Amino acid sequence: MDIRICIDVDSLERGIAFYTLGLGLRVGRRLGNDWAELVGGSSPIDLLANAAGTAPLGEGQPQRRDYARHWTPVHLDFVVERIDDVVQQLVTLGARLERPISDRAWGRMASMADPFGHGLDLLEFKDRGYDELLPPQL
C-alpha cells in the first residue's frame, strides 16, 4: 500500500516555498493551479490550495477551513539532520516553534506549527534512532 500525505494550504506558492526551502523537498509535478506534488521524502506530499472559509466536506456541512493554529491528533514528523538549523530556517519561512528543542533518549525533537496552522515535529535521530529505547542487540 502506498500512503500519500495531503496538506491544505491557503497559498500554493507559500506552501511550496515553506516545504521545499525549509525541509528540502522538491516539486515533483504540478497538477493544476491549486495542486503540487512534493517529493524527496518517504511518501509524496500533495499541497492542495483551498481558500480559508471553504467547506472541506461540501456545502451544507458546518466545518470550514481555518488556517489559524489548530490542534489535531494527526501530525507529521520530519526526520532531519542539524535540527537547530532546520528550526531556524522554518521559523524564517513563517513556522512557529511551539516547544523548544528537547533531548530524548533517541535524539532531539522540536514541536512546530507550519504557516498554515498544521502541527509538525522535527526529529533528529542519534545512533540507532528509536531503537535506542531497546536493549542493544548482541
N, C-alpha and C. Protein backbone atom coordinates (compact mmCIF):
# COMPACT_ATOMS: atom_id res chain seq x y z
N MET A 1 0.84 -1.17 0.00
CA MET A 1 0.00 0.00 0.00
C MET A 1 0.89 1.24 0.00
N ASP A 2 0.54 2.20 -0.80
CA ASP A 2 1.21 3.49 -0.80
C ASP A 2 0.43 4.45 0.09
N ILE A 3 1.13 5.35 0.71
CA ILE A 3 0.49 6.40 1.51
C ILE A 3 0.87 7.73 0.90
N ARG A 4 -0.13 8.56 0.69
CA ARG A 4 0.08 9.93 0.21
C ARG A 4 -0.39 10.87 1.32
N ILE A 5 0.33 11.93 1.52
CA ILE A 5 0.02 12.91 2.54
C ILE A 5 -0.55 14.13 1.83
N CYS A 6 -1.70 14.60 2.26
CA CYS A 6 -2.33 15.79 1.67
C CYS A 6 -2.38 16.90 2.72
N ILE A 7 -1.92 18.07 2.34
CA ILE A 7 -1.90 19.22 3.24
C ILE A 7 -2.60 20.38 2.55
N ASP A 8 -3.68 20.86 3.15
CA ASP A 8 -4.34 22.06 2.63
C ASP A 8 -3.53 23.29 3.01
N VAL A 9 -3.41 24.19 2.07
CA VAL A 9 -2.74 25.47 2.29
C VAL A 9 -3.60 26.57 1.68
N ASP A 10 -3.46 27.78 2.18
CA ASP A 10 -4.24 28.88 1.59
C ASP A 10 -3.51 29.55 0.44
N SER A 11 -2.24 29.22 0.25
CA SER A 11 -1.45 29.76 -0.85
C SER A 11 -0.50 28.66 -1.33
N LEU A 12 -0.69 28.20 -2.54
CA LEU A 12 0.16 27.14 -3.06
C LEU A 12 1.62 27.57 -3.13
N GLU A 13 1.88 28.79 -3.55
CA GLU A 13 3.26 29.25 -3.68
C GLU A 13 3.95 29.34 -2.33
N ARG A 14 3.24 29.84 -1.30
CA ARG A 14 3.82 29.89 0.05
C ARG A 14 4.05 28.48 0.58
N GLY A 15 3.13 27.57 0.29
CA GLY A 15 3.28 26.19 0.73
C GLY A 15 4.48 25.52 0.08
N ILE A 16 4.63 25.73 -1.22
CA ILE A 16 5.78 25.17 -1.93
C ILE A 16 7.07 25.73 -1.34
N ALA A 17 7.12 27.03 -1.14
CA ALA A 17 8.33 27.66 -0.60
C ALA A 17 8.65 27.10 0.78
N PHE A 18 7.65 26.98 1.65
CA PHE A 18 7.89 26.51 3.00
C PHE A 18 8.46 25.09 3.00
N TYR A 19 7.82 24.18 2.29
CA TYR A 19 8.22 22.77 2.36
C TYR A 19 9.45 22.45 1.51
N THR A 20 9.72 23.24 0.47
CA THR A 20 10.93 22.98 -0.32
C THR A 20 12.14 23.67 0.29
N LEU A 21 12.04 24.96 0.56
CA LEU A 21 13.18 25.69 1.12
C LEU A 21 13.46 25.27 2.56
N GLY A 22 12.43 24.96 3.31
CA GLY A 22 12.59 24.63 4.72
C GLY A 22 12.98 23.19 5.00
N LEU A 23 12.45 22.26 4.20
CA LEU A 23 12.68 20.85 4.50
C LEU A 23 13.39 20.09 3.38
N GLY A 24 13.72 20.79 2.31
CA GLY A 24 14.49 20.15 1.25
C GLY A 24 13.68 19.27 0.31
N LEU A 25 12.36 19.33 0.40
CA LEU A 25 11.55 18.60 -0.58
C LEU A 25 11.62 19.34 -1.91
N ARG A 26 11.13 18.72 -2.96
CA ARG A 26 11.13 19.38 -4.27
C ARG A 26 9.81 19.10 -4.97
N VAL A 27 9.44 19.99 -5.87
CA VAL A 27 8.21 19.79 -6.63
C VAL A 27 8.43 18.68 -7.63
N GLY A 28 7.64 17.62 -7.50
CA GLY A 28 7.69 16.52 -8.45
C GLY A 28 6.91 16.86 -9.70
N ARG A 29 5.73 17.42 -9.49
CA ARG A 29 4.90 17.87 -10.61
C ARG A 29 3.80 18.76 -10.06
N ARG A 30 3.31 19.61 -10.95
CA ARG A 30 2.15 20.44 -10.63
C ARG A 30 0.97 19.84 -11.36
N LEU A 31 -0.11 19.71 -10.64
CA LEU A 31 -1.30 19.07 -11.19
C LEU A 31 -2.43 20.09 -11.29
N GLY A 32 -2.10 21.25 -11.78
CA GLY A 32 -3.06 22.36 -11.89
C GLY A 32 -2.56 23.54 -11.09
N ASN A 33 -3.38 24.59 -11.05
CA ASN A 33 -3.01 25.81 -10.34
C ASN A 33 -3.17 25.69 -8.83
N ASP A 34 -3.83 24.62 -8.38
CA ASP A 34 -4.11 24.50 -6.96
C ASP A 34 -3.58 23.21 -6.35
N TRP A 35 -2.61 22.56 -7.03
CA TRP A 35 -2.14 21.26 -6.55
C TRP A 35 -0.70 21.06 -6.97
N ALA A 36 0.15 20.77 -6.01
CA ALA A 36 1.55 20.45 -6.30
C ALA A 36 1.94 19.21 -5.51
N GLU A 37 2.63 18.31 -6.17
CA GLU A 37 3.13 17.11 -5.53
C GLU A 37 4.59 17.35 -5.15
N LEU A 38 4.88 17.19 -3.87
CA LEU A 38 6.24 17.34 -3.37
C LEU A 38 6.85 15.96 -3.16
N VAL A 39 8.08 15.80 -3.58
CA VAL A 39 8.78 14.53 -3.44
C VAL A 39 10.11 14.78 -2.74
N GLY A 40 10.74 13.68 -2.34
CA GLY A 40 12.02 13.77 -1.67
C GLY A 40 12.00 13.13 -0.30
N GLY A 41 10.81 12.80 0.18
CA GLY A 41 10.66 12.08 1.44
C GLY A 41 10.24 10.65 1.16
N SER A 42 9.87 9.92 2.19
CA SER A 42 9.47 8.53 2.01
C SER A 42 8.07 8.39 1.42
N SER A 43 7.25 9.45 1.51
CA SER A 43 5.93 9.48 0.89
C SER A 43 5.76 10.83 0.21
N PRO A 44 5.08 10.87 -0.93
CA PRO A 44 4.82 12.17 -1.55
C PRO A 44 3.85 12.99 -0.71
N ILE A 45 4.00 14.30 -0.78
CA ILE A 45 3.10 15.22 -0.10
C ILE A 45 2.39 16.03 -1.17
N ASP A 46 1.07 16.01 -1.14
CA ASP A 46 0.27 16.81 -2.05
C ASP A 46 -0.15 18.08 -1.33
N LEU A 47 0.30 19.22 -1.83
CA LEU A 47 -0.18 20.50 -1.31
C LEU A 47 -1.40 20.89 -2.12
N LEU A 48 -2.49 21.17 -1.43
CA LEU A 48 -3.76 21.48 -2.06
C LEU A 48 -4.20 22.88 -1.64
N ALA A 49 -4.25 23.80 -2.59
CA ALA A 49 -4.64 25.17 -2.28
C ALA A 49 -6.16 25.25 -2.17
N ASN A 50 -6.62 25.68 -1.01
CA ASN A 50 -8.04 25.87 -0.74
C ASN A 50 -8.19 27.11 0.11
N ALA A 51 -9.12 27.97 -0.25
CA ALA A 51 -9.30 29.22 0.46
C ALA A 51 -9.85 28.98 1.86
N ALA A 52 -9.42 29.83 2.79
CA ALA A 52 -9.99 29.81 4.13
C ALA A 52 -11.49 30.05 4.03
N GLY A 53 -12.25 29.39 4.89
CA GLY A 53 -13.69 29.57 4.92
C GLY A 53 -14.46 28.63 4.00
N THR A 54 -13.75 27.89 3.15
CA THR A 54 -14.45 26.95 2.27
C THR A 54 -14.78 25.68 3.03
N ALA A 55 -15.74 24.94 2.50
CA ALA A 55 -16.24 23.74 3.17
C ALA A 55 -15.49 22.51 2.69
N PRO A 56 -14.68 21.89 3.55
CA PRO A 56 -13.91 20.73 3.11
C PRO A 56 -14.78 19.50 2.84
N LEU A 57 -15.95 19.42 3.45
CA LEU A 57 -16.82 18.25 3.28
C LEU A 57 -18.04 18.56 2.43
N GLY A 58 -18.04 19.69 1.75
CA GLY A 58 -19.16 20.08 0.90
C GLY A 58 -20.07 21.07 1.58
N GLU A 59 -20.74 21.84 0.77
CA GLU A 59 -21.68 22.83 1.31
C GLU A 59 -22.75 22.12 2.12
N GLY A 60 -23.28 22.81 3.08
CA GLY A 60 -24.28 22.23 3.96
C GLY A 60 -23.69 21.60 5.21
N GLN A 61 -22.36 21.46 5.24
CA GLN A 61 -21.68 20.93 6.42
C GLN A 61 -21.13 22.10 7.24
N PRO A 62 -21.09 21.96 8.55
CA PRO A 62 -20.67 23.10 9.38
C PRO A 62 -19.17 23.40 9.36
N GLN A 63 -18.33 22.43 9.03
CA GLN A 63 -16.90 22.65 9.08
C GLN A 63 -16.45 23.62 7.97
N ARG A 64 -15.48 24.45 8.32
CA ARG A 64 -14.88 25.39 7.38
C ARG A 64 -13.37 25.35 7.56
N ARG A 65 -12.66 25.52 6.46
CA ARG A 65 -11.20 25.57 6.55
C ARG A 65 -10.78 26.82 7.31
N ASP A 66 -9.81 26.62 8.19
CA ASP A 66 -9.29 27.71 9.01
C ASP A 66 -7.79 27.49 9.12
N TYR A 67 -7.01 28.46 8.71
CA TYR A 67 -5.56 28.30 8.72
C TYR A 67 -4.89 28.94 9.93
N ALA A 68 -5.69 29.29 10.95
CA ALA A 68 -5.11 29.66 12.24
C ALA A 68 -4.61 28.37 12.87
N ARG A 69 -3.78 28.46 13.88
CA ARG A 69 -3.26 27.25 14.52
C ARG A 69 -4.42 26.43 15.05
N HIS A 70 -4.42 25.17 14.71
CA HIS A 70 -5.44 24.24 15.16
C HIS A 70 -4.76 22.95 15.58
N TRP A 71 -5.32 22.30 16.55
CA TRP A 71 -4.74 21.05 17.03
C TRP A 71 -5.53 19.90 16.45
N THR A 72 -4.82 18.86 16.06
CA THR A 72 -5.43 17.62 15.62
C THR A 72 -4.56 16.48 16.11
N PRO A 73 -5.12 15.32 16.36
CA PRO A 73 -4.30 14.22 16.83
C PRO A 73 -3.40 13.64 15.73
N VAL A 74 -3.54 14.11 14.52
CA VAL A 74 -2.68 13.65 13.42
C VAL A 74 -1.71 14.77 13.08
N HIS A 75 -0.43 14.42 13.01
CA HIS A 75 0.58 15.41 12.61
C HIS A 75 1.69 14.68 11.86
N LEU A 76 2.57 15.42 11.27
CA LEU A 76 3.69 14.85 10.53
C LEU A 76 4.98 15.02 11.30
N ASP A 77 5.82 13.99 11.26
CA ASP A 77 7.17 14.06 11.80
C ASP A 77 8.14 14.07 10.62
N PHE A 78 9.07 14.99 10.63
CA PHE A 78 10.10 15.06 9.61
C PHE A 78 11.45 14.76 10.27
N VAL A 79 12.12 13.74 9.79
CA VAL A 79 13.44 13.38 10.30
C VAL A 79 14.46 14.23 9.55
N VAL A 80 15.25 14.98 10.30
CA VAL A 80 16.19 15.93 9.72
C VAL A 80 17.57 15.74 10.33
N GLU A 81 18.54 16.31 9.70
CA GLU A 81 19.88 16.47 10.26
C GLU A 81 20.03 17.94 10.63
N ARG A 82 20.84 18.23 11.62
CA ARG A 82 21.07 19.62 12.04
C ARG A 82 19.75 20.31 12.40
N ILE A 83 19.07 19.77 13.39
CA ILE A 83 17.74 20.25 13.78
C ILE A 83 17.73 21.74 14.11
N ASP A 84 18.79 22.24 14.73
CA ASP A 84 18.83 23.67 15.08
C ASP A 84 18.74 24.54 13.82
N ASP A 85 19.48 24.16 12.79
CA ASP A 85 19.46 24.92 11.53
C ASP A 85 18.10 24.83 10.85
N VAL A 86 17.49 23.65 10.87
CA VAL A 86 16.19 23.47 10.22
C VAL A 86 15.11 24.28 10.95
N VAL A 87 15.13 24.26 12.28
CA VAL A 87 14.18 25.07 13.05
C VAL A 87 14.32 26.53 12.66
N GLN A 88 15.54 27.02 12.63
CA GLN A 88 15.77 28.43 12.30
C GLN A 88 15.25 28.75 10.90
N GLN A 89 15.51 27.89 9.93
CA GLN A 89 15.05 28.10 8.56
C GLN A 89 13.52 28.11 8.49
N LEU A 90 12.87 27.17 9.17
CA LEU A 90 11.41 27.10 9.13
C LEU A 90 10.78 28.33 9.79
N VAL A 91 11.37 28.79 10.90
CA VAL A 91 10.86 30.00 11.54
C VAL A 91 10.99 31.19 10.59
N THR A 92 12.10 31.27 9.88
CA THR A 92 12.29 32.33 8.89
C THR A 92 11.21 32.28 7.81
N LEU A 93 10.74 31.07 7.50
CA LEU A 93 9.72 30.88 6.46
C LEU A 93 8.29 30.95 7.00
N GLY A 94 8.12 31.28 8.28
CA GLY A 94 6.79 31.50 8.83
C GLY A 94 6.29 30.49 9.83
N ALA A 95 7.09 29.48 10.16
CA ALA A 95 6.67 28.49 11.16
C ALA A 95 6.82 29.08 12.56
N ARG A 96 6.17 28.43 13.52
CA ARG A 96 6.31 28.79 14.93
C ARG A 96 6.91 27.61 15.68
N LEU A 97 7.92 27.88 16.47
CA LEU A 97 8.46 26.86 17.38
C LEU A 97 7.56 26.87 18.61
N GLU A 98 6.83 25.78 18.82
CA GLU A 98 5.85 25.74 19.91
C GLU A 98 6.40 25.09 21.17
N ARG A 99 7.39 24.25 21.01
CA ARG A 99 8.07 23.65 22.16
C ARG A 99 9.54 23.62 21.81
N PRO A 100 10.39 24.17 22.64
CA PRO A 100 11.82 24.21 22.31
C PRO A 100 12.38 22.82 22.02
N ILE A 101 13.47 22.81 21.32
CA ILE A 101 14.15 21.56 21.02
C ILE A 101 14.48 20.87 22.34
N SER A 102 14.12 19.60 22.42
CA SER A 102 14.38 18.84 23.64
C SER A 102 15.17 17.58 23.32
N ASP A 103 15.96 17.17 24.29
CA ASP A 103 16.74 15.94 24.14
C ASP A 103 15.89 14.76 24.58
N ARG A 104 15.98 13.70 23.82
CA ARG A 104 15.26 12.46 24.12
C ARG A 104 16.28 11.32 24.08
N ALA A 105 15.89 10.16 24.58
CA ALA A 105 16.80 9.01 24.57
C ALA A 105 17.22 8.64 23.15
N TRP A 106 16.37 8.89 22.18
CA TRP A 106 16.62 8.51 20.78
C TRP A 106 17.18 9.64 19.92
N GLY A 107 17.24 10.87 20.48
CA GLY A 107 17.73 12.00 19.70
C GLY A 107 17.16 13.31 20.21
N ARG A 108 16.79 14.19 19.29
CA ARG A 108 16.27 15.50 19.64
C ARG A 108 14.97 15.75 18.89
N MET A 109 14.10 16.61 19.48
CA MET A 109 12.79 16.85 18.89
C MET A 109 12.39 18.31 19.07
N ALA A 110 11.75 18.87 18.04
CA ALA A 110 11.18 20.22 18.11
C ALA A 110 9.73 20.14 17.64
N SER A 111 8.82 20.71 18.41
CA SER A 111 7.41 20.77 18.03
C SER A 111 7.13 22.14 17.44
N MET A 112 6.51 22.14 16.24
CA MET A 112 6.31 23.38 15.49
C MET A 112 4.93 23.42 14.88
N ALA A 113 4.57 24.57 14.35
CA ALA A 113 3.37 24.73 13.52
C ALA A 113 3.82 25.39 12.22
N ASP A 114 3.33 24.87 11.10
CA ASP A 114 3.66 25.49 9.82
C ASP A 114 2.85 26.78 9.65
N PRO A 115 3.10 27.57 8.61
CA PRO A 115 2.38 28.83 8.45
C PRO A 115 0.88 28.67 8.20
N PHE A 116 0.42 27.43 8.02
CA PHE A 116 -0.97 27.16 7.68
C PHE A 116 -1.73 26.55 8.85
N GLY A 117 -1.11 26.58 10.05
CA GLY A 117 -1.78 26.12 11.26
C GLY A 117 -1.60 24.65 11.58
N HIS A 118 -0.90 23.91 10.73
CA HIS A 118 -0.72 22.47 10.93
C HIS A 118 0.47 22.19 11.84
N GLY A 119 0.30 21.28 12.79
CA GLY A 119 1.39 20.88 13.66
C GLY A 119 2.34 19.94 12.95
N LEU A 120 3.61 20.06 13.28
CA LEU A 120 4.62 19.14 12.77
C LEU A 120 5.74 19.06 13.79
N ASP A 121 6.41 17.93 13.79
CA ASP A 121 7.57 17.75 14.66
C ASP A 121 8.80 17.50 13.80
N LEU A 122 9.91 18.03 14.25
CA LEU A 122 11.19 17.70 13.65
C LEU A 122 11.90 16.73 14.59
N LEU A 123 12.47 15.70 14.02
CA LEU A 123 13.21 14.70 14.79
C LEU A 123 14.62 14.60 14.24
N GLU A 124 15.59 14.59 15.12
CA GLU A 124 16.98 14.34 14.73
C GLU A 124 17.42 13.11 15.52
N PHE A 125 17.57 12.00 14.82
CA PHE A 125 17.92 10.75 15.48
C PHE A 125 19.40 10.70 15.81
N LYS A 126 19.73 9.99 16.88
CA LYS A 126 21.13 9.69 17.17
C LYS A 126 21.31 8.18 17.03
N ASP A 127 22.46 7.78 16.67
CA ASP A 127 22.86 6.38 16.60
C ASP A 127 21.75 5.49 16.02
N ARG A 128 21.04 4.75 16.88
CA ARG A 128 20.05 3.78 16.41
C ARG A 128 18.63 4.33 16.33
N GLY A 129 18.46 5.64 16.44
CA GLY A 129 17.13 6.22 16.36
C GLY A 129 16.23 5.69 17.46
N TYR A 130 14.98 5.37 17.12
CA TYR A 130 14.04 4.86 18.13
C TYR A 130 14.53 3.57 18.76
N ASP A 131 15.39 2.84 18.08
CA ASP A 131 15.93 1.60 18.67
C ASP A 131 16.82 1.88 19.88
N GLU A 132 17.17 3.14 20.11
CA GLU A 132 17.89 3.49 21.34
C GLU A 132 17.06 3.16 22.57
N LEU A 133 15.74 3.04 22.42
CA LEU A 133 14.86 2.70 23.53
C LEU A 133 14.91 1.21 23.86
N LEU A 134 15.49 0.41 22.98
CA LEU A 134 15.57 -1.04 23.16
C LEU A 134 16.96 -1.43 23.63
N PRO A 135 17.08 -2.59 24.28
CA PRO A 135 18.43 -3.04 24.66
C PRO A 135 19.26 -3.30 23.40
N PRO A 136 20.56 -3.07 23.47
CA PRO A 136 21.43 -3.36 22.31
C PRO A 136 21.34 -4.82 21.92
N GLN A 137 21.41 -5.07 20.63
CA GLN A 137 21.43 -6.45 20.13
C GLN A 137 22.81 -7.02 20.37
N LEU A 138 22.86 -8.27 20.77
CA LEU A 138 24.15 -8.93 20.99
C LEU A 138 24.62 -9.58 19.73
